[in-house]
């Protein structure tokens, strides 16, 4: 059974997660800004499209379909994103599985690693707030 019941639920969780990361883990925000990258996270089943614009300060995050080219794009199943954020699966193993696709300069993907790493402490709290089981 899928962790998220709908795209709307997934967006609500992601919005809460990224809002808290920006407040509680400013190093992750600084890392993204230092790369000057636009990053798109495309989650599937359910679908969600997150556009993180680190090209200018302050960092902005758009939820939902948005025009614009991303420098770095990560296509990932929502349940796999969930496993990574809970620390049950590493980003490296997710890439090795072939179910995750990364488009763009791979050497700049460390910004994604920081977002995932910094968010792992916050994610279970956000799930609890939404009444989503781990």
N, C-alpha and C. Protein backbone atom coordinates (compact mmCIF):
# COMPACT_ATOMS: atom_id res chain seq x y z
N UNK A 1 0.84 -1.18 0.00
CA UNK A 1 0.00 0.00 0.00
C UNK A 1 0.88 1.24 0.00
N UNK A 2 0.52 2.23 -0.80
CA UNK A 2 1.29 3.46 -0.90
C UNK A 2 1.23 4.24 0.42
N UNK A 3 2.31 4.92 0.72
CA UNK A 3 2.39 5.72 1.95
C UNK A 3 1.43 6.91 1.87
N UNK A 4 1.40 7.57 0.73
CA UNK A 4 0.59 8.78 0.55
C UNK A 4 -0.67 8.43 -0.22
N UNK A 5 -1.80 8.88 0.28
CA UNK A 5 -3.08 8.53 -0.34
C UNK A 5 -3.41 9.37 -1.57
N UNK A 6 -2.75 10.52 -1.71
CA UNK A 6 -3.06 11.40 -2.84
C UNK A 6 -1.91 12.38 -3.07
N UNK A 7 -1.94 13.00 -4.23
CA UNK A 7 -0.95 14.05 -4.51
C UNK A 7 -1.12 15.20 -3.54
N UNK A 8 -2.35 15.52 -3.19
CA UNK A 8 -2.61 16.62 -2.25
C UNK A 8 -1.95 16.34 -0.90
N UNK A 9 -2.10 15.13 -0.40
CA UNK A 9 -1.47 14.77 0.87
C UNK A 9 0.05 14.86 0.76
N UNK A 10 0.60 14.37 -0.34
CA UNK A 10 2.05 14.42 -0.55
C UNK A 10 2.53 15.87 -0.58
N UNK A 11 1.83 16.74 -1.32
CA UNK A 11 2.21 18.15 -1.36
C UNK A 11 2.17 18.78 0.03
N UNK A 12 1.15 18.47 0.80
CA UNK A 12 1.04 19.03 2.15
C UNK A 12 2.23 18.62 3.02
N UNK A 13 2.61 17.36 2.94
CA UNK A 13 3.75 16.86 3.72
C UNK A 13 5.04 17.52 3.23
N UNK A 14 5.24 17.58 1.92
CA UNK A 14 6.46 18.17 1.38
C UNK A 14 6.57 19.65 1.71
N UNK A 15 5.46 20.37 1.64
CA UNK A 15 5.47 21.80 1.97
C UNK A 15 5.88 21.99 3.43
N UNK A 16 5.29 21.20 4.32
CA UNK A 16 5.64 21.29 5.74
C UNK A 16 7.10 20.93 5.96
N UNK A 17 7.56 19.88 5.29
CA UNK A 17 8.95 19.45 5.43
C UNK A 17 9.92 20.53 4.98
N UNK A 18 9.73 21.05 3.76
CA UNK A 18 10.67 22.04 3.24
C UNK A 18 10.59 23.36 3.99
N UNK A 19 9.40 23.73 4.46
CA UNK A 19 9.29 24.94 5.29
C UNK A 19 10.12 24.79 6.56
N UNK A 20 10.03 23.63 7.17
CA UNK A 20 10.78 23.40 8.42
C UNK A 20 12.28 23.28 8.16
N UNK A 21 12.66 22.66 7.05
CA UNK A 21 14.09 22.58 6.73
C UNK A 21 14.66 23.99 6.60
N UNK A 22 13.94 24.87 5.92
CA UNK A 22 14.44 26.24 5.73
C UNK A 22 14.62 26.96 7.06
N UNK A 23 13.75 26.70 8.03
CA UNK A 23 13.83 27.37 9.32
C UNK A 23 14.81 26.67 10.26
N UNK A 24 14.72 25.35 10.35
CA UNK A 24 15.48 24.60 11.35
C UNK A 24 16.86 24.16 10.88
N UNK A 25 17.07 24.05 9.58
CA UNK A 25 18.34 23.58 9.03
C UNK A 25 18.83 24.55 7.95
N UNK A 26 19.18 25.78 8.34
CA UNK A 26 19.57 26.77 7.33
C UNK A 26 20.81 26.39 6.52
N UNK A 27 21.63 25.47 7.04
CA UNK A 27 22.80 25.03 6.26
C UNK A 27 22.38 24.38 4.95
N UNK A 28 21.28 23.64 4.96
CA UNK A 28 20.79 23.01 3.73
C UNK A 28 20.38 24.08 2.72
N UNK A 29 19.73 25.12 3.20
CA UNK A 29 19.34 26.22 2.32
C UNK A 29 20.57 26.91 1.75
N UNK A 30 21.56 27.16 2.61
CA UNK A 30 22.80 27.81 2.14
C UNK A 30 23.52 26.95 1.10
N UNK A 31 23.51 25.64 1.29
CA UNK A 31 24.16 24.75 0.32
C UNK A 31 23.50 24.87 -1.04
N UNK A 32 22.18 24.85 -1.08
CA UNK A 32 21.46 24.96 -2.35
C UNK A 32 21.75 26.32 -2.98
N UNK A 33 21.72 27.38 -2.20
CA UNK A 33 22.00 28.71 -2.73
C UNK A 33 23.42 28.81 -3.26
N UNK A 34 24.36 28.15 -2.61
CA UNK A 34 25.76 28.21 -3.05
C UNK A 34 25.98 27.53 -4.39
N UNK A 35 25.12 26.59 -4.75
CA UNK A 35 25.25 25.90 -6.03
C UNK A 35 24.69 26.70 -7.18
N UNK A 36 23.80 27.67 -6.87
CA UNK A 36 23.13 28.48 -7.90
C UNK A 36 22.34 27.59 -8.87
N UNK A 37 21.73 26.53 -8.32
CA UNK A 37 20.99 25.58 -9.15
C UNK A 37 19.49 25.73 -8.97
N UNK A 38 18.76 25.43 -10.03
CA UNK A 38 17.33 25.19 -9.96
C UNK A 38 17.17 23.67 -9.96
N UNK A 39 16.50 23.16 -8.94
CA UNK A 39 16.37 21.71 -8.75
C UNK A 39 14.90 21.34 -8.82
N UNK A 40 14.59 20.32 -9.62
CA UNK A 40 13.21 19.82 -9.70
C UNK A 40 13.18 18.41 -9.12
N UNK A 41 12.25 18.19 -8.19
CA UNK A 41 11.97 16.86 -7.67
C UNK A 41 10.65 16.43 -8.28
N UNK A 42 10.68 15.36 -9.05
CA UNK A 42 9.46 14.80 -9.64
C UNK A 42 9.20 13.47 -8.94
N UNK A 43 8.16 13.47 -8.12
CA UNK A 43 7.77 12.26 -7.42
C UNK A 43 6.63 11.60 -8.16
N UNK A 44 6.59 10.28 -8.05
CA UNK A 44 5.58 9.50 -8.76
C UNK A 44 4.85 8.55 -7.82
N UNK A 45 3.57 8.38 -8.06
CA UNK A 45 2.70 7.42 -7.37
C UNK A 45 2.58 7.69 -5.87
N UNK A 46 1.93 8.77 -5.46
CA UNK A 46 1.28 9.77 -6.29
C UNK A 46 2.27 10.80 -6.84
N UNK A 47 1.80 11.53 -7.82
CA UNK A 47 2.66 12.50 -8.51
C UNK A 47 2.75 13.82 -7.76
N UNK A 48 3.96 14.39 -7.78
CA UNK A 48 4.20 15.72 -7.23
C UNK A 48 5.39 16.31 -7.95
N UNK A 49 5.36 17.61 -8.14
CA UNK A 49 6.43 18.32 -8.83
C UNK A 49 6.86 19.48 -7.93
N UNK A 50 8.11 19.45 -7.49
CA UNK A 50 8.66 20.46 -6.59
C UNK A 50 9.81 21.14 -7.32
N UNK A 51 9.79 22.47 -7.37
CA UNK A 51 10.83 23.23 -8.04
C UNK A 51 11.52 24.11 -7.00
N UNK A 52 12.78 23.81 -6.72
CA UNK A 52 13.57 24.54 -5.73
C UNK A 52 14.51 25.46 -6.49
N UNK A 53 14.31 26.75 -6.33
CA UNK A 53 15.12 27.72 -7.06
C UNK A 53 16.19 28.30 -6.14
N UNK A 54 17.42 27.81 -6.34
CA UNK A 54 18.55 28.29 -5.57
C UNK A 54 19.41 29.27 -6.34
N UNK A 55 18.89 29.80 -7.42
CA UNK A 55 19.65 30.73 -8.26
C UNK A 55 19.78 32.11 -7.63
N UNK A 56 18.83 32.46 -6.76
CA UNK A 56 18.92 33.76 -6.10
C UNK A 56 18.38 33.65 -4.68
N UNK A 57 18.84 34.53 -3.84
CA UNK A 57 18.44 34.59 -2.45
C UNK A 57 17.29 35.57 -2.31
N UNK A 58 16.21 35.22 -1.65
CA UNK A 58 15.99 34.00 -0.89
C UNK A 58 15.59 32.82 -1.79
N UNK A 59 15.92 31.66 -1.32
CA UNK A 59 15.55 30.42 -2.01
C UNK A 59 14.03 30.35 -2.07
N UNK A 60 13.50 29.92 -3.22
CA UNK A 60 12.05 29.76 -3.34
C UNK A 60 11.73 28.32 -3.73
N UNK A 61 10.57 27.87 -3.30
CA UNK A 61 10.11 26.52 -3.62
C UNK A 61 8.69 26.62 -4.15
N UNK A 62 8.48 26.06 -5.35
CA UNK A 62 7.15 26.02 -5.96
C UNK A 62 6.64 24.59 -5.93
N UNK A 63 5.36 24.45 -5.62
CA UNK A 63 4.72 23.15 -5.53
C UNK A 63 3.69 23.04 -6.64
N UNK A 64 3.82 22.02 -7.46
CA UNK A 64 2.92 21.83 -8.59
C UNK A 64 3.65 22.12 -9.88
N UNK A 65 2.99 21.83 -10.97
CA UNK A 65 3.61 22.04 -12.28
C UNK A 65 4.03 23.48 -12.43
N UNK A 66 5.24 23.66 -12.93
CA UNK A 66 5.81 24.99 -13.11
C UNK A 66 6.67 24.97 -14.35
N UNK A 67 6.53 25.99 -15.14
CA UNK A 67 7.40 26.13 -16.31
C UNK A 67 8.80 26.48 -15.82
N UNK A 68 9.75 26.18 -16.63
CA UNK A 68 11.13 26.52 -16.28
C UNK A 68 12.01 25.29 -16.31
N UNK A 69 13.20 25.53 -16.73
CA UNK A 69 14.17 24.46 -16.85
C UNK A 69 14.94 24.31 -15.54
N UNK A 70 15.05 23.09 -15.09
CA UNK A 70 15.84 22.80 -13.90
C UNK A 70 17.25 22.41 -14.33
N UNK A 71 18.23 22.83 -13.55
CA UNK A 71 19.61 22.43 -13.80
C UNK A 71 19.83 20.98 -13.38
N UNK A 72 19.07 20.57 -12.38
CA UNK A 72 19.20 19.23 -11.82
C UNK A 72 17.79 18.72 -11.56
N UNK A 73 17.49 17.50 -12.05
CA UNK A 73 16.16 16.94 -11.84
C UNK A 73 16.29 15.53 -11.29
N UNK A 74 15.52 15.26 -10.25
CA UNK A 74 15.48 13.94 -9.64
C UNK A 74 14.08 13.39 -9.82
N UNK A 75 13.97 12.26 -10.54
CA UNK A 75 12.70 11.54 -10.71
C UNK A 75 12.73 10.36 -9.76
N UNK A 76 11.77 10.31 -8.83
CA UNK A 76 11.81 9.29 -7.79
C UNK A 76 10.39 8.88 -7.37
N UNK A 77 10.16 7.59 -7.17
CA UNK A 77 8.86 7.17 -6.63
C UNK A 77 8.66 7.76 -5.23
N UNK A 78 7.44 8.19 -4.94
CA UNK A 78 7.15 8.81 -3.64
C UNK A 78 7.47 7.88 -2.48
N UNK A 79 7.19 6.60 -2.62
CA UNK A 79 7.48 5.66 -1.53
C UNK A 79 8.98 5.51 -1.31
N UNK A 80 9.77 5.62 -2.36
CA UNK A 80 11.23 5.53 -2.23
C UNK A 80 11.75 6.80 -1.54
N UNK A 81 11.21 7.96 -1.90
CA UNK A 81 11.55 9.21 -1.23
C UNK A 81 11.28 9.06 0.27
N UNK A 82 10.13 8.49 0.59
CA UNK A 82 9.73 8.25 1.99
C UNK A 82 10.77 7.38 2.71
N UNK A 83 11.20 6.29 2.08
CA UNK A 83 12.20 5.40 2.68
C UNK A 83 13.53 6.12 2.91
N UNK A 84 13.93 6.94 1.96
CA UNK A 84 15.18 7.70 2.11
C UNK A 84 15.06 8.68 3.28
N UNK A 85 13.94 9.37 3.33
CA UNK A 85 13.77 10.37 4.39
C UNK A 85 13.69 9.74 5.78
N UNK A 86 13.26 8.48 5.86
CA UNK A 86 13.24 7.77 7.14
C UNK A 86 14.59 7.13 7.45
N UNK A 87 15.53 7.20 6.52
CA UNK A 87 16.85 6.58 6.73
C UNK A 87 16.85 5.09 6.50
N UNK A 88 15.79 4.56 5.90
CA UNK A 88 15.69 3.12 5.63
C UNK A 88 16.40 2.74 4.33
N UNK A 89 16.68 3.73 3.49
CA UNK A 89 17.31 3.51 2.19
C UNK A 89 18.27 4.67 1.94
N UNK A 90 19.46 4.36 1.48
CA UNK A 90 20.40 5.43 1.17
C UNK A 90 20.16 5.94 -0.25
N UNK A 91 20.55 7.17 -0.48
CA UNK A 91 20.43 7.76 -1.82
C UNK A 91 21.25 6.94 -2.81
N UNK A 92 22.40 6.47 -2.39
CA UNK A 92 23.27 5.68 -3.26
C UNK A 92 22.57 4.39 -3.70
N UNK A 93 21.93 3.69 -2.77
CA UNK A 93 21.22 2.45 -3.11
C UNK A 93 20.00 2.75 -3.97
N UNK A 94 19.36 3.89 -3.73
CA UNK A 94 18.21 4.27 -4.55
C UNK A 94 18.63 4.47 -6.00
N UNK A 95 19.76 5.15 -6.21
CA UNK A 95 20.27 5.35 -7.58
C UNK A 95 20.65 4.01 -8.20
N UNK A 96 21.28 3.16 -7.41
CA UNK A 96 21.72 1.85 -7.92
C UNK A 96 20.54 0.96 -8.32
N UNK A 97 19.38 1.19 -7.73
CA UNK A 97 18.20 0.37 -8.03
C UNK A 97 17.69 0.59 -9.46
N UNK A 98 18.04 1.72 -10.05
CA UNK A 98 17.56 2.04 -11.39
C UNK A 98 16.19 2.68 -11.40
N UNK A 99 15.53 2.77 -10.26
CA UNK A 99 14.20 3.36 -10.19
C UNK A 99 14.24 4.88 -10.00
N UNK A 100 15.43 5.40 -9.73
CA UNK A 100 15.62 6.84 -9.54
C UNK A 100 16.45 7.35 -10.70
N UNK A 101 16.02 8.45 -11.27
CA UNK A 101 16.75 9.05 -12.40
C UNK A 101 17.22 10.44 -11.99
N UNK A 102 18.46 10.74 -12.32
CA UNK A 102 19.02 12.06 -12.07
C UNK A 102 19.43 12.65 -13.40
N UNK A 103 18.95 13.84 -13.67
CA UNK A 103 19.32 14.55 -14.89
C UNK A 103 20.02 15.84 -14.50
N UNK A 104 21.14 16.07 -15.13
CA UNK A 104 21.89 17.29 -14.84
C UNK A 104 23.29 16.94 -14.40
N UNK A 105 24.04 17.96 -13.97
CA UNK A 105 25.43 17.74 -13.57
C UNK A 105 25.52 16.94 -12.27
N UNK A 106 25.83 15.67 -12.41
CA UNK A 106 25.85 14.76 -11.27
C UNK A 106 26.80 15.26 -10.19
N UNK A 107 27.88 15.90 -10.56
CA UNK A 107 28.85 16.37 -9.57
C UNK A 107 28.26 17.48 -8.70
N UNK A 108 27.15 18.08 -9.11
CA UNK A 108 26.50 19.10 -8.29
C UNK A 108 25.36 18.52 -7.45
N UNK A 109 25.16 17.23 -7.54
CA UNK A 109 24.03 16.62 -6.84
C UNK A 109 24.23 16.56 -5.33
N UNK A 110 25.41 16.98 -4.82
CA UNK A 110 25.62 16.99 -3.38
C UNK A 110 24.58 17.87 -2.68
N UNK A 111 24.05 18.86 -3.37
CA UNK A 111 23.01 19.72 -2.79
C UNK A 111 21.79 18.88 -2.41
N UNK A 112 21.45 17.90 -3.24
CA UNK A 112 20.34 17.00 -2.92
C UNK A 112 20.65 16.19 -1.68
N UNK A 113 21.88 15.73 -1.58
CA UNK A 113 22.29 14.95 -0.42
C UNK A 113 22.10 15.73 0.87
N UNK A 114 22.46 17.02 0.85
CA UNK A 114 22.29 17.86 2.03
C UNK A 114 20.81 18.03 2.39
N UNK A 115 19.98 18.23 1.37
CA UNK A 115 18.55 18.38 1.63
C UNK A 115 17.99 17.11 2.28
N UNK A 116 18.35 15.97 1.71
CA UNK A 116 17.86 14.70 2.26
C UNK A 116 18.40 14.49 3.67
N UNK A 117 19.68 14.70 3.85
CA UNK A 117 20.30 14.46 5.16
C UNK A 117 19.72 15.39 6.23
N UNK A 118 19.62 16.66 5.93
CA UNK A 118 19.09 17.62 6.91
C UNK A 118 17.61 17.36 7.19
N UNK A 119 16.89 16.90 6.19
CA UNK A 119 15.47 16.66 6.36
C UNK A 119 15.12 15.39 7.11
N UNK A 120 16.06 14.46 7.22
CA UNK A 120 15.76 13.18 7.86
C UNK A 120 15.36 13.33 9.32
N UNK A 121 15.91 14.29 10.02
CA UNK A 121 15.54 14.48 11.43
C UNK A 121 14.14 15.08 11.56
N UNK A 122 13.74 15.85 10.58
CA UNK A 122 12.46 16.57 10.62
C UNK A 122 11.31 15.72 10.07
N UNK A 123 11.60 14.90 9.09
CA UNK A 123 10.56 14.15 8.36
C UNK A 123 9.64 13.32 9.27
N UNK A 124 10.17 12.52 10.21
CA UNK A 124 9.25 11.73 11.07
C UNK A 124 8.30 12.62 11.88
N UNK A 125 8.77 13.78 12.28
CA UNK A 125 7.93 14.71 13.04
C UNK A 125 6.79 15.21 12.15
N UNK A 126 7.12 15.54 10.91
CA UNK A 126 6.10 16.01 9.96
C UNK A 126 5.07 14.90 9.71
N UNK A 127 5.53 13.68 9.53
CA UNK A 127 4.60 12.56 9.34
C UNK A 127 3.64 12.43 10.52
N UNK A 128 4.18 12.54 11.73
CA UNK A 128 3.34 12.46 12.93
C UNK A 128 2.29 13.57 12.92
N UNK A 129 2.68 14.77 12.52
CA UNK A 129 1.75 15.90 12.48
C UNK A 129 0.59 15.64 11.52
N UNK A 130 0.85 14.87 10.46
CA UNK A 130 -0.18 14.56 9.48
C UNK A 130 -0.86 13.22 9.74
N UNK A 131 -0.45 12.53 10.80
CA UNK A 131 -1.05 11.25 11.14
C UNK A 131 -0.73 10.15 10.15
N UNK A 132 0.47 10.25 9.54
CA UNK A 132 0.89 9.24 8.56
C UNK A 132 1.85 8.29 9.26
N UNK A 133 1.56 7.01 9.19
CA UNK A 133 2.40 6.01 9.83
C UNK A 133 3.72 5.85 9.10
N UNK A 134 4.71 5.46 9.86
CA UNK A 134 6.04 5.25 9.29
C UNK A 134 6.16 3.82 8.87
